[in-house]
Amino acid sequence: VKGRFTISKDNAKNAANLQMNSLKPEDTAVYYCKVVLRTT
């Protein structure tokens, strides 16, 4: 996906985005977000 997808985040909103361009049929999938927290 390098060169086609871009990940970004907004710390204030606890949000992450994935901009996907030039999509291909092989990109078909269920997309999941994973958030890793530092508990302590």
All heavy atoms as atom14 arrays in JSON, in Angstrom:
{
  "sequence": "VKGRFTISKDNAKNAANLQMNSLKPEDTAVYYCKVVLRTT",
  "atom14_mask": [
    [1, 1, 1, 1, 1, 1, 1, 0, 0, 0, 0, 0, 0, 0],
    [1, 1, 1, 1, 1, 1, 1, 1, 1, 0, 0, 0, 0, 0],
    [1, 1, 1, 1, 0, 0, 0, 0, 0, 0, 0, 0, 0, 0],
    [1, 1, 1, 1, 1, 1, 1, 1, 1, 1, 1, 0, 0, 0],
    [1, 1, 1, 1, 1, 1, 1, 1, 1, 1, 1, 0, 0, 0],
    [1, 1, 1, 1, 1, 1, 1, 0, 0, 0, 0, 0, 0, 0],
    [1, 1, 1, 1, 1, 1, 1, 1, 0, 0, 0, 0, 0, 0],
    [1, 1, 1, 1, 1, 1, 0, 0, 0, 0, 0, 0, 0, 0],
    [1, 1, 1, 1, 1, 1, 1, 1, 1, 0, 0, 0, 0, 0],
    [1, 1, 1, 1, 1, 1, 1, 1, 0, 0, 0, 0, 0, 0],
    [1, 1, 1, 1, 1, 1, 1, 1, 0, 0, 0, 0, 0, 0],
    [1, 1, 1, 1, 1, 0, 0, 0, 0, 0, 0, 0, 0, 0],
    [1, 1, 1, 1, 1, 1, 1, 1, 1, 0, 0, 0, 0, 0],
    [1, 1, 1, 1, 1, 1, 1, 1, 0, 0, 0, 0, 0, 0],
    [1, 1, 1, 1, 1, 0, 0, 0, 0, 0, 0, 0, 0, 0],
    [1, 1, 1, 1, 1, 0, 0, 0, 0, 0, 0, 0, 0, 0],
    [1, 1, 1, 1, 1, 1, 1, 1, 0, 0, 0, 0, 0, 0],
    [1, 1, 1, 1, 1, 1, 1, 1, 0, 0, 0, 0, 0, 0],
    [1, 1, 1, 1, 1, 1, 1, 1, 1, 0, 0, 0, 0, 0],
    [1, 1, 1, 1, 1, 1, 1, 1, 0, 0, 0, 0, 0, 0],
    [1, 1, 1, 1, 1, 1, 1, 1, 0, 0, 0, 0, 0, 0],
    [1, 1, 1, 1, 1, 1, 0, 0, 0, 0, 0, 0, 0, 0],
    [1, 1, 1, 1, 1, 1, 1, 1, 0, 0, 0, 0, 0, 0],
    [1, 1, 1, 1, 1, 1, 1, 1, 1, 0, 0, 0, 0, 0],
    [1, 1, 1, 1, 1, 1, 1, 0, 0, 0, 0, 0, 0, 0],
    [1, 1, 1, 1, 1, 1, 1, 1, 1, 0, 0, 0, 0, 0],
    [1, 1, 1, 1, 1, 1, 1, 1, 0, 0, 0, 0, 0, 0],
    [1, 1, 1, 1, 1, 1, 1, 0, 0, 0, 0, 0, 0, 0],
    [1, 1, 1, 1, 1, 0, 0, 0, 0, 0, 0, 0, 0, 0],
    [1, 1, 1, 1, 1, 1, 1, 0, 0, 0, 0, 0, 0, 0],
    [1, 1, 1, 1, 1, 1, 1, 1, 1, 1, 1, 1, 0, 0],
    [1, 1, 1, 1, 1, 1, 1, 1, 1, 1, 1, 1, 0, 0],
    [1, 1, 1, 1, 1, 1, 0, 0, 0, 0, 0, 0, 0, 0],
    [1, 1, 1, 1, 1, 1, 1, 1, 1, 0, 0, 0, 0, 0],
    [1, 1, 1, 1, 1, 1, 1, 0, 0, 0, 0, 0, 0, 0],
    [1, 1, 1, 1, 1, 1, 1, 0, 0, 0, 0, 0, 0, 0],
    [1, 1, 1, 1, 1, 1, 1, 1, 0, 0, 0, 0, 0, 0],
    [1, 1, 1, 1, 1, 1, 1, 1, 1, 1, 1, 0, 0, 0],
    [1, 1, 1, 1, 1, 1, 1, 0, 0, 0, 0, 0, 0, 0],
    [1, 1, 1, 1, 1, 1, 1, 0, 0, 0, 0, 0, 0, 0]
  ],
  "atom14_positions": [
    [[0.8, -1.22, 0.0], [0.0, 0.0, 0.0], [0.84, 1.27, 0.0], [0.28, 2.37, -0.14], [-0.97, 0.04, 1.2], [-1.8, -1.24, 1.26], [-0.22, 0.25, 2.51], [0.0, 0.0, 0.0], [0.0, 0.0, 0.0], [0.0, 0.0, 0.0], [0.0, 0.0, 0.0], [0.0, 0.0, 0.0], [0.0, 0.0, 0.0], [0.0, 0.0, 0.0]],
    [[2.14, 1.14, 0.14], [3.0, 2.31, 0.21], [2.87, 3.15, -1.06], [2.91, 2.63, -2.17], [4.46, 1.88, 0.4], [5.39, 3.05, 0.71], [6.79, 2.56, 1.06], [7.69, 3.72, 1.43], [9.06, 3.26, 1.78], [0.0, 0.0, 0.0], [0.0, 0.0, 0.0], [0.0, 0.0, 0.0], [0.0, 0.0, 0.0], [0.0, 0.0, 0.0]],
    [[2.7, 4.44, -0.86], [2.51, 5.35, -1.97], [1.07, 5.56, -2.34], [0.75, 6.49, -3.09], [0.0, 0.0, 0.0], [0.0, 0.0, 0.0], [0.0, 0.0, 0.0], [0.0, 0.0, 0.0], [0.0, 0.0, 0.0], [0.0, 0.0, 0.0], [0.0, 0.0, 0.0], [0.0, 0.0, 0.0], [0.0, 0.0, 0.0], [0.0, 0.0, 0.0]],
    [[0.18, 4.71, -1.83], [-1.25, 4.83, -2.12], [-2.07, 5.19, -0.9], [-3.07, 5.9, -1.01], [-1.78, 3.52, -2.72], [-1.12, 3.12, -4.02], [-1.82, 1.92, -4.65], [-1.73, 0.73, -3.8], [-2.79, 0.08, -3.31], [-4.02, 0.5, -3.6], [-2.62, -1.0, -2.56], [0.0, 0.0, 0.0], [0.0, 0.0, 0.0], [0.0, 0.0, 0.0]],
    [[-1.65, 4.68, 0.26], [-2.37, 4.92, 1.51], [-1.59, 5.89, 2.39], [-0.36, 5.88, 2.4], [-2.58, 3.62, 2.3], [-3.52, 2.64, 1.67], [-4.0, 2.81, 0.38], [-3.91, 1.52, 2.38], [-4.87, 1.89, -0.19], [-4.78, 0.59, 1.83], [-5.25, 0.76, 0.55], [0.0, 0.0, 0.0], [0.0, 0.0, 0.0], [0.0, 0.0, 0.0]],
    [[-2.31, 6.69, 3.16], [-1.7, 7.6, 4.1], [-2.44, 7.54, 5.43], [-3.66, 7.71, 5.46], [-1.71, 9.05, 3.58], [-1.04, 9.13, 2.33], [-1.01, 9.98, 4.58], [0.0, 0.0, 0.0], [0.0, 0.0, 0.0], [0.0, 0.0, 0.0], [0.0, 0.0, 0.0], [0.0, 0.0, 0.0], [0.0, 0.0, 0.0], [0.0, 0.0, 0.0]],
    [[-1.7, 7.3, 6.51], [-2.3, 7.28, 7.83], [-2.02, 8.61, 8.52], [-0.95, 9.19, 8.37], [-1.79, 6.1, 8.68], [-2.59, 5.98, 9.98], [-0.3, 6.22, 8.96], [-2.3, 4.7, 10.76], [0.0, 0.0, 0.0], [0.0, 0.0, 0.0], [0.0, 0.0, 0.0], [0.0, 0.0, 0.0], [0.0, 0.0, 0.0], [0.0, 0.0, 0.0]],
    [[-2.98, 9.09, 9.28], [-2.83, 10.32, 10.03], [-3.58, 10.18, 11.34], [-4.36, 9.24, 11.53], [-3.35, 11.53, 9.24], [-4.72, 11.39, 8.94], [0.0, 0.0, 0.0], [0.0, 0.0, 0.0], [0.0, 0.0, 0.0], [0.0, 0.0, 0.0], [0.0, 0.0, 0.0], [0.0, 0.0, 0.0], [0.0, 0.0, 0.0], [0.0, 0.0, 0.0]],
    [[-3.34, 11.11, 12.25], [-4.04, 11.06, 13.53], [-4.31, 12.44, 14.06], [-3.68, 13.42, 13.67], [-3.23, 10.25, 14.56], [-1.92, 10.9, 14.98], [-1.29, 10.15, 16.14], [0.01, 10.81, 16.58], [0.56, 10.17, 17.8], [0.0, 0.0, 0.0], [0.0, 0.0, 0.0], [0.0, 0.0, 0.0], [0.0, 0.0, 0.0], [0.0, 0.0, 0.0]],
    [[-5.27, 12.5, 14.96], [-5.63, 13.73, 15.65], [-5.64, 13.39, 17.12], [-6.58, 12.75, 17.61], [-6.99, 14.23, 15.18], [-7.36, 15.58, 15.77], [-6.91, 15.9, 16.89], [-8.1, 16.33, 15.12], [0.0, 0.0, 0.0], [0.0, 0.0, 0.0], [0.0, 0.0, 0.0], [0.0, 0.0, 0.0], [0.0, 0.0, 0.0], [0.0, 0.0, 0.0]],
    [[-4.61, 13.79, 17.83], [-4.48, 13.43, 19.25], [-5.63, 13.98, 20.09], [-6.11, 13.3, 21.0], [-3.15, 13.94, 19.8], [-1.96, 13.23, 19.22], [-2.06, 12.1, 18.75], [-0.8, 13.88, 19.25], [0.0, 0.0, 0.0], [0.0, 0.0, 0.0], [0.0, 0.0, 0.0], [0.0, 0.0, 0.0], [0.0, 0.0, 0.0], [0.0, 0.0, 0.0]],
    [[-6.05, 15.19, 19.8], [-7.12, 15.81, 20.58], [-8.43, 15.04, 20.47], [-9.23, 15.02, 21.4], [-7.31, 17.26, 20.16], [0.0, 0.0, 0.0], [0.0, 0.0, 0.0], [0.0, 0.0, 0.0], [0.0, 0.0, 0.0], [0.0, 0.0, 0.0], [0.0, 0.0, 0.0], [0.0, 0.0, 0.0], [0.0, 0.0, 0.0], [0.0, 0.0, 0.0]],
    [[-8.64, 14.4, 19.33], [-9.88, 13.67, 19.09], [-9.73, 12.16, 19.3], [-10.7, 11.42, 19.11], [-10.39, 13.94, 17.68], [-10.74, 15.39, 17.42], [-11.22, 15.58, 15.99], [-11.57, 17.03, 15.72], [-12.03, 17.24, 14.32], [0.0, 0.0, 0.0], [0.0, 0.0, 0.0], [0.0, 0.0, 0.0], [0.0, 0.0, 0.0], [0.0, 0.0, 0.0]],
    [[-8.53, 11.71, 19.67], [-8.25, 10.27, 19.81], [-8.67, 9.53, 18.54], [-9.33, 8.5, 18.6], [-8.95, 9.69, 21.03], [-8.42, 10.23, 22.33], [-7.23, 10.53, 22.46], [-9.29, 10.36, 23.33], [0.0, 0.0, 0.0], [0.0, 0.0, 0.0], [0.0, 0.0, 0.0], [0.0, 0.0, 0.0], [0.0, 0.0, 0.0], [0.0, 0.0, 0.0]],
    [[-8.28, 10.09, 17.41], [-8.73, 9.55, 16.14], [-7.56, 9.28, 15.2], [-6.53, 9.95, 15.26], [-9.71, 10.51, 15.48], [0.0, 0.0, 0.0], [0.0, 0.0, 0.0], [0.0, 0.0, 0.0], [0.0, 0.0, 0.0], [0.0, 0.0, 0.0], [0.0, 0.0, 0.0], [0.0, 0.0, 0.0], [0.0, 0.0, 0.0], [0.0, 0.0, 0.0]],
    [[-7.76, 8.31, 14.32], [-6.81, 8.01, 13.26], [-7.57, 7.83, 11.96], [-8.67, 7.27, 11.95], [-5.99, 6.76, 13.57], [0.0, 0.0, 0.0], [0.0, 0.0, 0.0], [0.0, 0.0, 0.0], [0.0, 0.0, 0.0], [0.0, 0.0, 0.0], [0.0, 0.0, 0.0], [0.0, 0.0, 0.0], [0.0, 0.0, 0.0], [0.0, 0.0, 0.0]],
    [[-6.97, 8.29, 10.88], [-7.6, 8.18, 9.57], [-6.69, 7.43, 8.62], [-5.47, 7.42, 8.77], [-7.9, 9.56, 8.99], [-8.84, 10.37, 9.87], [-9.9, 9.88, 10.26], [-8.46, 11.59, 10.18], [0.0, 0.0, 0.0], [0.0, 0.0, 0.0], [0.0, 0.0, 0.0], [0.0, 0.0, 0.0], [0.0, 0.0, 0.0], [0.0, 0.0, 0.0]],
    [[-7.29, 6.8, 7.64], [-6.54, 6.12, 6.59], [-7.1, 6.58, 5.25], [-8.21, 6.22, 4.88], [-6.64, 4.6, 6.72], [-5.8, 3.8, 5.73], [-4.31, 3.99, 6.03], [-6.17, 2.32, 5.77], [0.0, 0.0, 0.0], [0.0, 0.0, 0.0], [0.0, 0.0, 0.0], [0.0, 0.0, 0.0], [0.0, 0.0, 0.0], [0.0, 0.0, 0.0]],
    [[-6.32, 7.39, 4.56], [-6.69, 7.84, 3.22], [-6.19, 6.82, 2.23], [-4.98, 6.56, 2.14], [-6.09, 9.22, 2.93], [-6.41, 9.75, 1.54], [-7.88, 10.03, 1.34], [-8.51, 10.64, 2.19], [-8.43, 9.57, 0.22], [0.0, 0.0, 0.0], [0.0, 0.0, 0.0], [0.0, 0.0, 0.0], [0.0, 0.0, 0.0], [0.0, 0.0, 0.0]],
    [[-7.1, 6.22, 1.48], [-6.76, 5.17, 0.53], [-7.04, 5.67, -0.88], [-8.19, 5.94, -1.23], [-7.56, 3.9, 0.82], [-7.4, 3.39, 2.25], [-8.24, 1.81, 2.52], [-9.94, 2.31, 2.3], [0.0, 0.0, 0.0], [0.0, 0.0, 0.0], [0.0, 0.0, 0.0], [0.0, 0.0, 0.0], [0.0, 0.0, 0.0], [0.0, 0.0, 0.0]],
    [[-5.99, 5.78, -1.67], [-6.1, 6.22, -3.05], [-5.67, 5.11, -4.0], [-5.01, 4.15, -3.6], [-5.23, 7.46, -3.29], [-5.65, 8.65, -2.46], [-6.83, 8.85, -2.18], [-4.67, 9.46, -2.06], [0.0, 0.0, 0.0], [0.0, 0.0, 0.0], [0.0, 0.0, 0.0], [0.0, 0.0, 0.0], [0.0, 0.0, 0.0], [0.0, 0.0, 0.0]],
    [[-6.04, 5.25, -5.26], [-5.68, 4.27, -6.29], [-5.99, 2.85, -5.84], [-5.17, 1.94, -5.94], [-4.19, 4.41, -6.65], [-3.9, 5.71, -7.11], [0.0, 0.0, 0.0], [0.0, 0.0, 0.0], [0.0, 0.0, 0.0], [0.0, 0.0, 0.0], [0.0, 0.0, 0.0], [0.0, 0.0, 0.0], [0.0, 0.0, 0.0], [0.0, 0.0, 0.0]],
    [[-7.19, 2.66, -5.35], [-7.58, 1.37, -4.79], [-7.6, 0.28, -5.85], [-7.94, 0.52, -7.01], [-8.94, 1.47, -4.12], [-8.91, 2.16, -2.75], [-10.29, 2.61, -2.34], [-8.33, 1.21, -1.71], [0.0, 0.0, 0.0], [0.0, 0.0, 0.0], [0.0, 0.0, 0.0], [0.0, 0.0, 0.0], [0.0, 0.0, 0.0], [0.0, 0.0, 0.0]],
    [[-7.22, -0.91, -5.42], [-7.16, -2.09, -6.27], [-8.09, -3.16, -5.72], [-8.38, -3.18, -4.52], [-5.73, -2.64, -6.32], [-4.68, -1.64, -6.76], [-3.29, -2.24, -6.65], [-2.22, -1.26, -7.07], [-0.86, -1.84, -6.95], [0.0, 0.0, 0.0], [0.0, 0.0, 0.0], [0.0, 0.0, 0.0], [0.0, 0.0, 0.0], [0.0, 0.0, 0.0]],
    [[-8.56, -4.07, -6.57], [-9.42, -5.15, -6.07], [-8.78, -5.94, -4.93], [-9.49, -6.4, -4.03], [-9.63, -6.03, -7.3], [-9.55, -5.07, -8.44], [-8.47, -4.09, -8.04], [0.0, 0.0, 0.0], [0.0, 0.0, 0.0], [0.0, 0.0, 0.0], [0.0, 0.0, 0.0], [0.0, 0.0, 0.0], [0.0, 0.0, 0.0], [0.0, 0.0, 0.0]],
    [[-7.47, -6.1, -4.94], [-6.79, -6.82, -3.88], [-6.78, -6.09, -2.55], [-6.36, -6.65, -1.54], [-5.35, -7.18, -4.29], [-4.56, -6.01, -4.84], [-4.55, -5.97, -6.36], [-5.62, -6.15, -6.97], [-3.46, -5.78, -6.95], [0.0, 0.0, 0.0], [0.0, 0.0, 0.0], [0.0, 0.0, 0.0], [0.0, 0.0, 0.0], [0.0, 0.0, 0.0]],
    [[-7.24, -4.85, -2.53], [-7.4, -4.12, -1.28], [-8.69, -4.5, -0.57], [-8.91, -4.07, 0.57], [-7.38, -2.61, -1.52], [-6.04, -2.11, -2.03], [-5.0, -2.58, -1.54], [-6.05, -1.23, -2.92], [0.0, 0.0, 0.0], [0.0, 0.0, 0.0], [0.0, 0.0, 0.0], [0.0, 0.0, 0.0], [0.0, 0.0, 0.0], [0.0, 0.0, 0.0]],
    [[-9.54, -5.26, -1.22], [-10.8, -5.67, -0.62], [-10.56, -6.48, 0.65], [-9.84, -7.48, 0.63], [-11.62, -6.49, -1.61], [-11.98, -5.67, -2.73], [-12.9, -7.02, -0.97], [0.0, 0.0, 0.0], [0.0, 0.0, 0.0], [0.0, 0.0, 0.0], [0.0, 0.0, 0.0], [0.0, 0.0, 0.0], [0.0, 0.0, 0.0], [0.0, 0.0, 0.0]],
    [[-11.15, -6.04, 1.75], [-10.95, -6.69, 3.04], [-11.79, -5.97, 4.09], [-12.34, -4.91, 3.83], [-9.47, -6.67, 3.45], [0.0, 0.0, 0.0], [0.0, 0.0, 0.0], [0.0, 0.0, 0.0], [0.0, 0.0, 0.0], [0.0, 0.0, 0.0], [0.0, 0.0, 0.0], [0.0, 0.0, 0.0], [0.0, 0.0, 0.0], [0.0, 0.0, 0.0]],
    [[-11.85, -6.57, 5.27], [-12.37, -5.87, 6.43], [-11.19, -5.15, 7.07], [-10.17, -5.78, 7.36], [-13.04, -6.82, 7.44], [-13.49, -6.05, 8.67], [-14.22, -7.53, 6.79], [0.0, 0.0, 0.0], [0.0, 0.0, 0.0], [0.0, 0.0, 0.0], [0.0, 0.0, 0.0], [0.0, 0.0, 0.0], [0.0, 0.0, 0.0], [0.0, 0.0, 0.0]],
    [[-11.33, -3.87, 7.27], [-10.27, -3.06, 7.84], [-10.55, -2.81, 9.31], [-11.64, -2.38, 9.69], [-10.14, -1.74, 7.09], [-9.44, -1.9, 5.76], [-10.08, -2.54, 4.7], [-8.15, -1.42, 5.56], [-9.44, -2.72, 3.49], [-7.5, -1.59, 4.35], [-8.16, -2.23, 3.32], [-7.52, -2.4, 2.11], [0.0, 0.0, 0.0], [0.0, 0.0, 0.0]],
    [[-9.54, -3.06, 10.15], [-9.66, -2.93, 11.59], [-8.7, -1.88, 12.11], [-7.57, -1.76, 11.64], [-9.33, -4.25, 12.29], [-10.24, -5.4, 11.93], [-9.95, -6.23, 10.86], [-11.38, -5.66, 12.69], [-10.77, -7.29, 10.54], [-12.2, -6.72, 12.37], [-11.89, -7.53, 11.3], [-12.71, -8.59, 10.99], [0.0, 0.0, 0.0], [0.0, 0.0, 0.0]],
    [[-9.14, -1.15, 13.1], [-8.3, -0.18, 13.79], [-7.8, -0.78, 15.1], [-8.58, -1.38, 15.84], [-9.07, 1.11, 14.07], [-8.1, 2.4, 14.88], [0.0, 0.0, 0.0], [0.0, 0.0, 0.0], [0.0, 0.0, 0.0], [0.0, 0.0, 0.0], [0.0, 0.0, 0.0], [0.0, 0.0, 0.0], [0.0, 0.0, 0.0], [0.0, 0.0, 0.0]],
    [[-6.52, -0.63, 15.35], [-5.9, -1.1, 16.59], [-5.31, 0.09, 17.33], [-4.5, 0.82, 16.78], [-4.8, -2.13, 16.29], [-4.06, -2.64, 17.52], [-2.9, -3.53, 17.09], [-2.08, -4.01, 18.27], [-0.91, -4.83, 17.83], [0.0, 0.0, 0.0], [0.0, 0.0, 0.0], [0.0, 0.0, 0.0], [0.0, 0.0, 0.0], [0.0, 0.0, 0.0]],
    [[-5.72, 0.25, 18.57], [-5.22, 1.33, 19.41], [-4.44, 0.71, 20.55], [-4.95, -0.17, 21.25], [-6.38, 2.19, 19.96], [-5.84, 3.3, 20.85], [-7.19, 2.77, 18.81], [0.0, 0.0, 0.0], [0.0, 0.0, 0.0], [0.0, 0.0, 0.0], [0.0, 0.0, 0.0], [0.0, 0.0, 0.0], [0.0, 0.0, 0.0], [0.0, 0.0, 0.0]],
    [[-3.21, 1.14, 20.73], [-2.37, 0.65, 21.81], [-2.21, 1.74, 22.84], [-1.75, 2.85, 22.53], [-0.99, 0.19, 21.3], [-0.12, -0.26, 22.47], [-1.15, -0.95, 20.3], [0.0, 0.0, 0.0], [0.0, 0.0, 0.0], [0.0, 0.0, 0.0], [0.0, 0.0, 0.0], [0.0, 0.0, 0.0], [0.0, 0.0, 0.0], [0.0, 0.0, 0.0]],
    [[-2.6, 1.43, 24.07], [-2.51, 2.38, 25.17], [-1.36, 2.02, 26.11], [-1.1, 0.84, 26.34], [-3.81, 2.4, 25.98], [-5.11, 2.64, 25.24], [-6.26, 2.67, 26.25], [-5.06, 3.94, 24.46], [0.0, 0.0, 0.0], [0.0, 0.0, 0.0], [0.0, 0.0, 0.0], [0.0, 0.0, 0.0], [0.0, 0.0, 0.0], [0.0, 0.0, 0.0]],
    [[-0.7, 3.03, 26.62], [0.26, 2.82, 27.69], [-0.51, 2.95, 28.99], [-0.89, 4.06, 29.39], [1.41, 3.83, 27.63], [2.47, 3.58, 28.71], [3.59, 4.6, 28.66], [3.13, 5.94, 28.94], [2.89, 6.43, 30.16], [3.07, 5.65, 31.23], [2.47, 7.66, 30.32], [0.0, 0.0, 0.0], [0.0, 0.0, 0.0], [0.0, 0.0, 0.0]],
    [[-0.76, 1.83, 29.63], [-1.55, 1.83, 30.85], [-0.79, 2.5, 31.98], [-1.28, 3.42, 32.62], [-1.93, 0.4, 31.25], [-2.6, -0.24, 30.16], [-2.84, 0.41, 32.46], [0.0, 0.0, 0.0], [0.0, 0.0, 0.0], [0.0, 0.0, 0.0], [0.0, 0.0, 0.0], [0.0, 0.0, 0.0], [0.0, 0.0, 0.0], [0.0, 0.0, 0.0]],
    [[0.43, 2.03, 32.21], [1.32, 2.61, 33.2], [2.7, 2.03, 33.01], [2.85, 0.85, 32.66], [0.83, 2.36, 34.65], [1.72, 2.98, 35.58], [0.77, 0.87, 34.95], [0.0, 0.0, 0.0], [0.0, 0.0, 0.0], [0.0, 0.0, 0.0], [0.0, 0.0, 0.0], [0.0, 0.0, 0.0], [0.0, 0.0, 0.0], [0.0, 0.0, 0.0]]
  ]
}
